[in-house]
Amino acid sequence: MWEWLGEPLAVDFANTTKRRGAEARECLRSGADVAEWARLQAGRVPRVAAADAHARLGELIALRDAVATVLRARVDARGRSIARDLAAATARVNAAARAVPIVAQLRGAAVVAEPAAAADPLDELLARVAAATIELVGGDDFVGFCDAPSCGQFFAGGRAGRLWCSDACGTRARVARHAHRHA
C-alpha cells in the first residue's frame, strides 16, 4: 500500500489517500496504518503507538486534509478554487507547527531538527509534518499534482510545469486522452 513513499514528508503525508478512478481511498483507516506509515518514514518522524494514533485518528486526518489543501493552493498559485478552505487549512498547519516547535540543533558537525522540548511522539509527528509543509510551500521546489487516471498524488521536484508524477502516469493520461478523442 505504501509503494509511493519517498517524496518530501509533507507530500508523503498528503498522499495518504489513493484515487481509484474518481473515488479517493483512505490509507489511514486505523492507528495501525498510521503506525506503519510512521515506521516507514523512519528518521523523518518518530514511531507512534497504534493505539495512540487510533485515538487521535480524526486529528491526523484533519491535518492531512489541511496539508493537502495547502499543497493544492501551492500547485494552483492563484488558489481561487480553494480560497475559502485555505485560511482554515493554513491555521491548522500553523497550530500544529507551534504546538511542538522543531528547531535546528548541532550534534557534533551535524545539524539535526529536534523538538524544542520533550513531546509526545504523535504531537511531534504532527509538528514535523506541519513544519515540512511550511518549508515546502515557502521554498522554491516545484510542487505538482498528478491528475492521471487513478493517481491523484502530489509530487515535488523536477522541472516546473511537469504534469505527471511518473512516466507511467503520463502514458496513462495520454492513452486516456487519445481514447476519449477517438471514442
N, C-alpha and C. Protein backbone atom coordinates (compact mmCIF):
# COMPACT_ATOMS: atom_id res chain seq x y z
N MET A 1 0.81 -1.20 0.00
CA MET A 1 0.00 0.00 0.00
C MET A 1 0.86 1.26 0.00
N TRP A 2 2.09 1.20 0.44
CA TRP A 2 2.91 2.40 0.60
C TRP A 2 4.02 2.49 -0.45
N GLU A 3 3.80 1.95 -1.63
CA GLU A 3 4.86 1.89 -2.65
C GLU A 3 5.30 3.25 -3.16
N TRP A 4 4.53 4.29 -2.96
CA TRP A 4 4.82 5.62 -3.50
C TRP A 4 5.63 6.49 -2.54
N LEU A 5 5.97 6.02 -1.36
CA LEU A 5 6.70 6.84 -0.40
C LEU A 5 8.07 7.23 -0.95
N GLY A 6 8.57 8.38 -0.50
CA GLY A 6 9.89 8.82 -0.90
C GLY A 6 9.92 10.27 -1.34
N GLU A 7 8.76 10.90 -1.37
CA GLU A 7 8.67 12.33 -1.68
C GLU A 7 8.98 13.10 -0.40
N PRO A 8 9.03 14.43 -0.45
CA PRO A 8 9.18 15.21 0.78
C PRO A 8 8.08 14.81 1.78
N LEU A 9 8.37 14.95 3.06
CA LEU A 9 7.48 14.49 4.13
C LEU A 9 6.05 15.02 3.97
N ALA A 10 5.90 16.30 3.68
CA ALA A 10 4.56 16.87 3.52
C ALA A 10 3.80 16.19 2.39
N VAL A 11 4.48 15.90 1.30
CA VAL A 11 3.85 15.24 0.16
C VAL A 11 3.47 13.81 0.51
N ASP A 12 4.37 13.07 1.17
CA ASP A 12 4.05 11.71 1.58
C ASP A 12 2.83 11.68 2.49
N PHE A 13 2.71 12.66 3.38
CA PHE A 13 1.56 12.70 4.29
C PHE A 13 0.28 13.05 3.54
N ALA A 14 0.34 14.03 2.67
CA ALA A 14 -0.84 14.41 1.88
C ALA A 14 -1.30 13.27 0.99
N ASN A 15 -0.39 12.43 0.56
CA ASN A 15 -0.72 11.35 -0.35
C ASN A 15 -1.23 10.09 0.36
N THR A 16 -1.67 10.21 1.59
CA THR A 16 -2.21 9.05 2.29
C THR A 16 -3.68 8.80 1.94
N THR A 17 -4.08 9.28 0.78
CA THR A 17 -5.31 8.83 0.12
C THR A 17 -4.87 8.40 -1.27
N LYS A 18 -5.51 7.40 -1.80
CA LYS A 18 -5.19 6.92 -3.15
C LYS A 18 -6.47 6.98 -3.97
N ARG A 19 -6.35 7.44 -5.19
CA ARG A 19 -7.52 7.53 -6.05
C ARG A 19 -7.67 6.26 -6.87
N ARG A 20 -8.86 5.74 -6.89
CA ARG A 20 -9.25 4.63 -7.76
C ARG A 20 -10.35 5.14 -8.66
N GLY A 21 -10.02 5.44 -9.89
CA GLY A 21 -10.98 6.09 -10.77
C GLY A 21 -11.26 7.48 -10.24
N ALA A 22 -12.51 7.78 -9.97
CA ALA A 22 -12.88 9.10 -9.44
C ALA A 22 -12.99 9.09 -7.91
N GLU A 23 -12.82 7.93 -7.28
CA GLU A 23 -13.00 7.79 -5.84
C GLU A 23 -11.67 7.82 -5.10
N ALA A 24 -11.63 8.52 -3.98
CA ALA A 24 -10.44 8.53 -3.13
C ALA A 24 -10.57 7.41 -2.10
N ARG A 25 -9.50 6.67 -1.89
CA ARG A 25 -9.46 5.58 -0.92
C ARG A 25 -8.57 6.01 0.24
N GLU A 26 -9.08 5.95 1.43
CA GLU A 26 -8.35 6.35 2.64
C GLU A 26 -7.29 5.31 2.98
N CYS A 27 -6.06 5.75 3.17
CA CYS A 27 -4.98 4.84 3.56
C CYS A 27 -4.77 4.83 5.08
N LEU A 28 -5.24 5.85 5.77
CA LEU A 28 -5.12 5.92 7.23
C LEU A 28 -6.46 5.52 7.85
N ARG A 29 -6.76 4.23 7.76
CA ARG A 29 -8.05 3.73 8.26
C ARG A 29 -8.01 3.38 9.73
N SER A 30 -6.83 3.22 10.28
CA SER A 30 -6.70 2.81 11.68
C SER A 30 -5.38 3.34 12.23
N GLY A 31 -5.24 3.23 13.54
CA GLY A 31 -3.98 3.61 14.17
C GLY A 31 -2.83 2.75 13.69
N ALA A 32 -3.12 1.50 13.36
CA ALA A 32 -2.07 0.61 12.84
C ALA A 32 -1.53 1.13 11.50
N ASP A 33 -2.41 1.68 10.67
CA ASP A 33 -1.97 2.25 9.40
C ASP A 33 -1.05 3.45 9.65
N VAL A 34 -1.42 4.29 10.60
CA VAL A 34 -0.58 5.45 10.94
C VAL A 34 0.77 4.98 11.48
N ALA A 35 0.75 3.99 12.37
CA ALA A 35 1.99 3.46 12.95
C ALA A 35 2.89 2.88 11.85
N GLU A 36 2.30 2.19 10.88
CA GLU A 36 3.08 1.63 9.78
C GLU A 36 3.67 2.73 8.91
N TRP A 37 2.85 3.75 8.60
CA TRP A 37 3.35 4.89 7.81
C TRP A 37 4.53 5.54 8.54
N ALA A 38 4.40 5.76 9.84
CA ALA A 38 5.47 6.39 10.62
C ALA A 38 6.72 5.51 10.64
N ARG A 39 6.54 4.20 10.75
CA ARG A 39 7.68 3.28 10.74
C ARG A 39 8.43 3.38 9.42
N LEU A 40 7.69 3.48 8.33
CA LEU A 40 8.31 3.59 7.01
C LEU A 40 8.96 4.95 6.77
N GLN A 41 8.60 5.93 7.57
CA GLN A 41 9.18 7.27 7.49
C GLN A 41 10.34 7.42 8.49
N ALA A 42 10.90 6.31 8.94
CA ALA A 42 11.95 6.29 9.96
C ALA A 42 13.00 7.37 9.71
N GLY A 43 13.30 8.11 10.76
CA GLY A 43 14.29 9.18 10.69
C GLY A 43 13.65 10.52 10.35
N ARG A 44 12.43 10.50 9.84
CA ARG A 44 11.75 11.75 9.50
C ARG A 44 10.66 12.08 10.52
N VAL A 45 10.04 11.06 11.07
CA VAL A 45 9.05 11.23 12.13
C VAL A 45 9.30 10.16 13.18
N PRO A 46 8.85 10.39 14.41
CA PRO A 46 9.04 9.35 15.43
C PRO A 46 8.07 8.19 15.21
N ARG A 47 8.42 7.05 15.76
CA ARG A 47 7.47 5.93 15.76
C ARG A 47 6.34 6.28 16.71
N VAL A 48 5.16 5.83 16.37
CA VAL A 48 4.00 6.10 17.22
C VAL A 48 3.29 4.78 17.53
N ALA A 49 2.65 4.74 18.67
CA ALA A 49 1.89 3.55 19.06
C ALA A 49 0.56 3.55 18.31
N ALA A 50 0.18 2.39 17.81
CA ALA A 50 -1.05 2.26 17.04
C ALA A 50 -2.27 2.69 17.86
N ALA A 51 -2.30 2.33 19.14
CA ALA A 51 -3.46 2.69 19.98
C ALA A 51 -3.55 4.20 20.14
N ASP A 52 -2.42 4.87 20.35
CA ASP A 52 -2.42 6.33 20.48
C ASP A 52 -2.87 6.99 19.18
N ALA A 53 -2.36 6.47 18.07
CA ALA A 53 -2.73 7.03 16.76
C ALA A 53 -4.21 6.80 16.48
N HIS A 54 -4.72 5.64 16.86
CA HIS A 54 -6.14 5.36 16.63
C HIS A 54 -7.03 6.32 17.42
N ALA A 55 -6.62 6.62 18.65
CA ALA A 55 -7.40 7.53 19.49
C ALA A 55 -7.45 8.94 18.90
N ARG A 56 -6.47 9.30 18.10
CA ARG A 56 -6.39 10.64 17.52
C ARG A 56 -6.47 10.63 16.00
N LEU A 57 -7.06 9.58 15.46
CA LEU A 57 -7.13 9.41 14.01
C LEU A 57 -7.81 10.59 13.32
N GLY A 58 -8.88 11.10 13.92
CA GLY A 58 -9.57 12.24 13.33
C GLY A 58 -8.68 13.46 13.23
N GLU A 59 -7.86 13.69 14.25
CA GLU A 59 -6.93 14.81 14.24
C GLU A 59 -5.86 14.63 13.16
N LEU A 60 -5.36 13.42 13.02
CA LEU A 60 -4.36 13.14 11.99
C LEU A 60 -4.94 13.36 10.59
N ILE A 61 -6.13 12.88 10.36
CA ILE A 61 -6.76 13.04 9.05
C ILE A 61 -7.08 14.51 8.78
N ALA A 62 -7.50 15.23 9.82
CA ALA A 62 -7.79 16.66 9.64
C ALA A 62 -6.51 17.41 9.24
N LEU A 63 -5.37 17.07 9.85
CA LEU A 63 -4.12 17.72 9.45
C LEU A 63 -3.74 17.30 8.04
N ARG A 64 -3.91 16.02 7.72
CA ARG A 64 -3.59 15.55 6.36
C ARG A 64 -4.41 16.33 5.33
N ASP A 65 -5.70 16.50 5.60
CA ASP A 65 -6.56 17.23 4.67
C ASP A 65 -6.14 18.69 4.57
N ALA A 66 -5.70 19.28 5.68
CA ALA A 66 -5.22 20.66 5.67
C ALA A 66 -3.93 20.76 4.85
N VAL A 67 -3.03 19.82 5.04
CA VAL A 67 -1.78 19.81 4.27
C VAL A 67 -2.10 19.68 2.78
N ALA A 68 -3.03 18.81 2.42
CA ALA A 68 -3.41 18.65 1.01
C ALA A 68 -4.00 19.94 0.45
N THR A 69 -4.80 20.63 1.24
CA THR A 69 -5.38 21.90 0.79
C THR A 69 -4.29 22.94 0.56
N VAL A 70 -3.33 23.02 1.48
CA VAL A 70 -2.23 23.98 1.35
C VAL A 70 -1.37 23.63 0.13
N LEU A 71 -1.09 22.35 -0.07
CA LEU A 71 -0.30 21.94 -1.24
C LEU A 71 -1.07 22.21 -2.53
N ARG A 72 -2.38 21.96 -2.50
CA ARG A 72 -3.20 22.23 -3.69
C ARG A 72 -3.14 23.72 -4.04
N ALA A 73 -3.17 24.59 -3.02
CA ALA A 73 -3.06 26.03 -3.26
C ALA A 73 -1.69 26.37 -3.84
N ARG A 74 -0.65 25.67 -3.41
CA ARG A 74 0.71 25.90 -3.94
C ARG A 74 0.78 25.49 -5.40
N VAL A 75 0.12 24.37 -5.74
CA VAL A 75 0.09 23.91 -7.12
C VAL A 75 -0.65 24.92 -7.99
N ASP A 76 -1.80 25.36 -7.50
CA ASP A 76 -2.61 26.36 -8.20
C ASP A 76 -2.30 27.69 -7.54
N ALA A 77 -1.23 28.33 -7.94
CA ALA A 77 -0.75 29.54 -7.26
C ALA A 77 -1.83 30.59 -7.10
N ARG A 78 -2.81 30.56 -7.96
CA ARG A 78 -3.91 31.52 -7.82
C ARG A 78 -4.80 31.14 -6.64
N GLY A 79 -4.95 29.85 -6.36
CA GLY A 79 -5.70 29.39 -5.21
C GLY A 79 -7.17 29.75 -5.21
N ARG A 80 -7.72 30.18 -6.35
CA ARG A 80 -9.10 30.65 -6.38
C ARG A 80 -10.10 29.57 -6.01
N SER A 81 -9.89 28.35 -6.48
CA SER A 81 -10.88 27.30 -6.28
C SER A 81 -10.99 26.84 -4.83
N ILE A 82 -9.97 27.09 -4.02
CA ILE A 82 -10.00 26.61 -2.63
C ILE A 82 -9.78 27.73 -1.63
N ALA A 83 -9.92 28.97 -2.05
CA ALA A 83 -9.61 30.11 -1.18
C ALA A 83 -10.35 30.05 0.14
N ARG A 84 -11.61 29.63 0.14
CA ARG A 84 -12.37 29.62 1.39
C ARG A 84 -11.85 28.57 2.36
N ASP A 85 -11.32 27.47 1.85
CA ASP A 85 -10.79 26.41 2.71
C ASP A 85 -9.34 26.67 3.12
N LEU A 86 -8.66 27.51 2.36
CA LEU A 86 -7.23 27.71 2.59
C LEU A 86 -6.94 28.36 3.94
N ALA A 87 -7.73 29.33 4.36
CA ALA A 87 -7.48 30.00 5.64
C ALA A 87 -7.56 29.02 6.80
N ALA A 88 -8.57 28.18 6.81
CA ALA A 88 -8.72 27.19 7.88
C ALA A 88 -7.59 26.16 7.83
N ALA A 89 -7.22 25.73 6.64
CA ALA A 89 -6.14 24.75 6.49
C ALA A 89 -4.81 25.34 6.96
N THR A 90 -4.56 26.57 6.57
CA THR A 90 -3.33 27.24 6.99
C THR A 90 -3.28 27.39 8.50
N ALA A 91 -4.39 27.75 9.10
CA ALA A 91 -4.45 27.88 10.56
C ALA A 91 -4.16 26.55 11.24
N ARG A 92 -4.69 25.45 10.70
CA ARG A 92 -4.45 24.13 11.30
C ARG A 92 -2.98 23.73 11.19
N VAL A 93 -2.39 23.97 10.02
CA VAL A 93 -0.96 23.64 9.83
C VAL A 93 -0.10 24.49 10.78
N ASN A 94 -0.38 25.78 10.84
CA ASN A 94 0.40 26.65 11.73
C ASN A 94 0.25 26.24 13.19
N ALA A 95 -0.95 25.88 13.61
CA ALA A 95 -1.17 25.46 15.00
C ALA A 95 -0.37 24.20 15.33
N ALA A 96 -0.34 23.24 14.41
CA ALA A 96 0.44 22.02 14.64
C ALA A 96 1.93 22.33 14.72
N ALA A 97 2.40 23.25 13.90
CA ALA A 97 3.82 23.63 13.94
C ALA A 97 4.16 24.34 15.25
N ARG A 98 3.25 25.17 15.74
CA ARG A 98 3.50 25.88 17.00
C ARG A 98 3.44 24.97 18.21
N ALA A 99 2.62 23.92 18.16
CA ALA A 99 2.41 23.05 19.32
C ALA A 99 3.71 22.40 19.78
N VAL A 100 4.56 22.01 18.86
CA VAL A 100 5.86 21.41 19.18
C VAL A 100 6.88 22.00 18.22
N PRO A 101 7.48 23.11 18.58
CA PRO A 101 8.46 23.71 17.67
C PRO A 101 9.62 22.75 17.37
N ILE A 102 9.92 22.60 16.10
CA ILE A 102 11.04 21.78 15.65
C ILE A 102 12.16 22.75 15.30
N VAL A 103 13.29 22.61 15.98
CA VAL A 103 14.38 23.57 15.80
C VAL A 103 15.66 22.86 15.39
N ALA A 104 16.50 23.57 14.66
CA ALA A 104 17.80 23.03 14.26
C ALA A 104 18.73 23.02 15.46
N GLN A 105 19.45 21.93 15.63
CA GLN A 105 20.42 21.76 16.71
C GLN A 105 21.71 21.19 16.14
N LEU A 106 22.82 21.55 16.75
CA LEU A 106 24.11 20.98 16.36
C LEU A 106 24.37 19.73 17.18
N ARG A 107 24.74 18.66 16.50
CA ARG A 107 25.16 17.41 17.13
C ARG A 107 26.51 17.07 16.51
N GLY A 108 27.56 17.53 17.16
CA GLY A 108 28.89 17.41 16.57
C GLY A 108 28.94 18.32 15.36
N ALA A 109 29.28 17.77 14.20
CA ALA A 109 29.32 18.55 12.97
C ALA A 109 28.00 18.50 12.21
N ALA A 110 27.07 17.71 12.72
CA ALA A 110 25.79 17.54 12.01
C ALA A 110 24.73 18.49 12.55
N VAL A 111 23.84 18.90 11.68
CA VAL A 111 22.68 19.70 12.07
C VAL A 111 21.47 18.77 12.03
N VAL A 112 20.74 18.73 13.14
CA VAL A 112 19.54 17.89 13.21
C VAL A 112 18.36 18.76 13.64
N ALA A 113 17.18 18.35 13.21
CA ALA A 113 15.96 19.04 13.61
C ALA A 113 15.33 18.25 14.75
N GLU A 114 15.13 18.91 15.88
CA GLU A 114 14.58 18.25 17.06
C GLU A 114 13.51 19.11 17.69
N PRO A 115 12.60 18.47 18.45
CA PRO A 115 11.62 19.28 19.18
C PRO A 115 12.33 20.18 20.20
N ALA A 116 11.80 21.38 20.39
CA ALA A 116 12.40 22.32 21.34
C ALA A 116 12.31 21.79 22.77
N ALA A 117 11.34 20.95 23.06
CA ALA A 117 11.17 20.34 24.38
C ALA A 117 10.65 18.92 24.19
N ALA A 118 10.69 18.13 25.24
CA ALA A 118 10.17 16.77 25.17
C ALA A 118 8.71 16.82 24.71
N ALA A 119 8.35 15.90 23.82
CA ALA A 119 7.00 15.92 23.27
C ALA A 119 6.48 14.49 23.09
N ASP A 120 5.18 14.37 23.13
CA ASP A 120 4.52 13.12 22.81
C ASP A 120 4.86 12.76 21.36
N PRO A 121 5.16 11.49 21.06
CA PRO A 121 5.53 11.13 19.68
C PRO A 121 4.50 11.54 18.63
N LEU A 122 3.22 11.42 18.95
CA LEU A 122 2.20 11.81 17.97
C LEU A 122 2.18 13.32 17.76
N ASP A 123 2.34 14.08 18.83
CA ASP A 123 2.42 15.54 18.69
C ASP A 123 3.65 15.93 17.87
N GLU A 124 4.76 15.22 18.09
CA GLU A 124 5.97 15.50 17.32
C GLU A 124 5.76 15.16 15.85
N LEU A 125 5.09 14.04 15.56
CA LEU A 125 4.81 13.67 14.17
C LEU A 125 4.00 14.77 13.50
N LEU A 126 2.93 15.23 14.15
CA LEU A 126 2.10 16.29 13.57
C LEU A 126 2.92 17.56 13.34
N ALA A 127 3.76 17.90 14.31
CA ALA A 127 4.58 19.11 14.19
C ALA A 127 5.60 18.99 13.06
N ARG A 128 6.21 17.82 12.92
CA ARG A 128 7.19 17.63 11.85
C ARG A 128 6.53 17.73 10.48
N VAL A 129 5.34 17.15 10.36
CA VAL A 129 4.60 17.25 9.09
C VAL A 129 4.25 18.71 8.81
N ALA A 130 3.78 19.43 9.82
CA ALA A 130 3.41 20.83 9.64
C ALA A 130 4.64 21.66 9.26
N ALA A 131 5.75 21.46 9.95
CA ALA A 131 6.98 22.19 9.64
C ALA A 131 7.45 21.88 8.22
N ALA A 132 7.36 20.61 7.82
CA ALA A 132 7.77 20.22 6.47
C ALA A 132 6.86 20.86 5.42
N THR A 133 5.58 20.98 5.74
CA THR A 133 4.64 21.63 4.83
C THR A 133 4.99 23.09 4.65
N ILE A 134 5.24 23.77 5.74
CA ILE A 134 5.60 25.19 5.69
C ILE A 134 6.89 25.39 4.90
N GLU A 135 7.86 24.53 5.15
CA GLU A 135 9.14 24.64 4.43
C GLU A 135 8.96 24.39 2.94
N LEU A 136 8.17 23.39 2.57
CA LEU A 136 7.96 23.08 1.16
C LEU A 136 7.21 24.19 0.45
N VAL A 137 6.15 24.67 1.06
CA VAL A 137 5.33 25.71 0.44
C VAL A 137 6.11 27.03 0.34
N GLY A 138 6.95 27.30 1.32
CA GLY A 138 7.72 28.54 1.31
C GLY A 138 8.98 28.49 0.48
N GLY A 139 9.33 27.30 0.00
CA GLY A 139 10.56 27.14 -0.75
C GLY A 139 10.37 27.33 -2.24
N ASP A 140 11.43 27.05 -2.98
CA ASP A 140 11.43 27.22 -4.42
C ASP A 140 11.20 25.92 -5.19
N ASP A 141 11.11 24.78 -4.47
CA ASP A 141 10.93 23.50 -5.16
C ASP A 141 9.58 23.45 -5.86
N PHE A 142 9.57 22.83 -7.01
CA PHE A 142 8.33 22.65 -7.76
C PHE A 142 7.45 21.64 -7.03
N VAL A 143 6.16 21.93 -6.91
CA VAL A 143 5.17 21.01 -6.36
C VAL A 143 4.08 20.86 -7.41
N GLY A 144 3.75 19.61 -7.72
CA GLY A 144 2.72 19.35 -8.72
C GLY A 144 1.68 18.38 -8.21
N PHE A 145 0.61 18.23 -8.97
CA PHE A 145 -0.46 17.30 -8.66
C PHE A 145 -0.72 16.47 -9.91
N CYS A 146 -0.58 15.17 -9.79
CA CYS A 146 -0.74 14.26 -10.93
C CYS A 146 -2.22 13.94 -11.08
N ASP A 147 -2.78 14.38 -12.18
CA ASP A 147 -4.20 14.15 -12.42
C ASP A 147 -4.42 13.03 -13.43
N ALA A 148 -3.44 12.14 -13.54
CA ALA A 148 -3.59 10.99 -14.42
C ALA A 148 -4.69 10.08 -13.87
N PRO A 149 -5.35 9.32 -14.74
CA PRO A 149 -6.39 8.40 -14.26
C PRO A 149 -5.85 7.48 -13.15
N SER A 150 -6.58 7.37 -12.08
CA SER A 150 -6.26 6.51 -10.93
C SER A 150 -5.00 6.93 -10.19
N CYS A 151 -4.58 8.19 -10.28
CA CYS A 151 -3.43 8.62 -9.49
C CYS A 151 -3.87 9.64 -8.45
N GLY A 152 -3.87 10.92 -8.80
CA GLY A 152 -4.29 11.94 -7.85
C GLY A 152 -3.31 12.16 -6.72
N GLN A 153 -2.02 12.03 -6.99
CA GLN A 153 -1.00 12.20 -5.96
C GLN A 153 -0.22 13.50 -6.20
N PHE A 154 0.23 14.11 -5.09
CA PHE A 154 1.13 15.24 -5.19
C PHE A 154 2.53 14.71 -5.46
N PHE A 155 3.38 15.54 -6.04
CA PHE A 155 4.78 15.20 -6.23
C PHE A 155 5.59 16.49 -6.16
N ALA A 156 6.86 16.34 -5.89
CA ALA A 156 7.74 17.52 -5.77
C ALA A 156 9.02 17.28 -6.55
N GLY A 157 9.66 18.37 -6.87
CA GLY A 157 10.93 18.29 -7.57
C GLY A 157 10.76 18.21 -9.08
N GLY A 158 11.87 18.19 -9.75
CA GLY A 158 11.82 18.13 -11.21
C GLY A 158 11.60 19.52 -11.79
N ARG A 159 11.27 19.52 -13.05
CA ARG A 159 11.11 20.79 -13.74
C ARG A 159 9.72 21.38 -13.50
N ALA A 160 9.66 22.67 -13.49
CA ALA A 160 8.37 23.36 -13.35
C ALA A 160 7.51 23.03 -14.56
N GLY A 161 6.24 22.89 -14.35
CA GLY A 161 5.32 22.59 -15.43
C GLY A 161 5.13 21.11 -15.68
N ARG A 162 5.83 20.28 -14.94
CA ARG A 162 5.65 18.83 -15.07
C ARG A 162 4.19 18.48 -14.77
N LEU A 163 3.57 17.63 -15.55
CA LEU A 163 2.15 17.33 -15.40
C LEU A 163 1.86 16.06 -14.61
N TRP A 164 2.79 15.10 -14.62
CA TRP A 164 2.51 13.81 -14.01
C TRP A 164 3.64 13.41 -13.07
N CYS A 165 3.32 12.57 -12.11
CA CYS A 165 4.31 12.17 -11.12
C CYS A 165 5.33 11.19 -11.67
N SER A 166 4.95 10.47 -12.72
CA SER A 166 5.86 9.47 -13.29
C SER A 166 5.59 9.31 -14.78
N ASP A 167 6.50 8.64 -15.46
CA ASP A 167 6.29 8.34 -16.88
C ASP A 167 5.07 7.45 -17.07
N ALA A 168 4.86 6.51 -16.15
CA ALA A 168 3.71 5.61 -16.26
C ALA A 168 2.40 6.39 -16.21
N CYS A 169 2.31 7.36 -15.30
CA CYS A 169 1.09 8.18 -15.22
C CYS A 169 0.93 9.04 -16.48
N GLY A 170 2.01 9.56 -17.00
CA GLY A 170 1.95 10.34 -18.23
C GLY A 170 1.43 9.51 -19.38
N THR A 171 1.91 8.28 -19.47
CA THR A 171 1.44 7.38 -20.52
C THR A 171 -0.04 7.08 -20.36
N ARG A 172 -0.47 6.78 -19.12
CA ARG A 172 -1.90 6.51 -18.87
C ARG A 172 -2.77 7.71 -19.25
N ALA A 173 -2.32 8.90 -18.90
CA ALA A 173 -3.09 10.11 -19.21
C ALA A 173 -3.18 10.34 -20.72
N ARG A 174 -2.07 10.15 -21.44
CA ARG A 174 -2.09 10.33 -22.89
C ARG A 174 -2.97 9.28 -23.58
N VAL A 175 -2.89 8.03 -23.11
CA VAL A 175 -3.72 6.97 -23.69
C VAL A 175 -5.20 7.27 -23.43
N ALA A 176 -5.54 7.70 -22.23
CA ALA A 176 -6.94 8.02 -21.90
C ALA A 176 -7.43 9.19 -22.75
N ARG A 177 -6.60 10.20 -22.92
CA ARG A 177 -6.97 11.36 -23.74
C ARG A 177 -7.18 10.94 -25.20
N HIS A 178 -6.29 10.09 -25.71
CA HIS A 178 -6.41 9.60 -27.08
C HIS A 178 -7.70 8.78 -27.24
N ALA A 179 -7.97 7.91 -26.29
CA ALA A 179 -9.18 7.07 -26.36
C ALA A 179 -10.43 7.92 -26.29
N HIS A 180 -10.41 8.97 -25.49
CA HIS A 180 -11.57 9.86 -25.37
C HIS A 180 -11.81 10.62 -26.69
N ARG A 181 -10.74 11.07 -27.31
CA ARG A 181 -10.87 11.81 -28.59
C ARG A 181 -11.39 10.92 -29.71
N HIS A 182 -11.01 9.63 -29.68
CA HIS A 182 -11.38 8.74 -30.78
C HIS A 182 -12.53 7.82 -30.43
N ALA A 183 -13.25 8.14 -29.39
CA ALA A 183 -14.40 7.29 -29.00
C ALA A 183 -15.62 7.65 -29.80
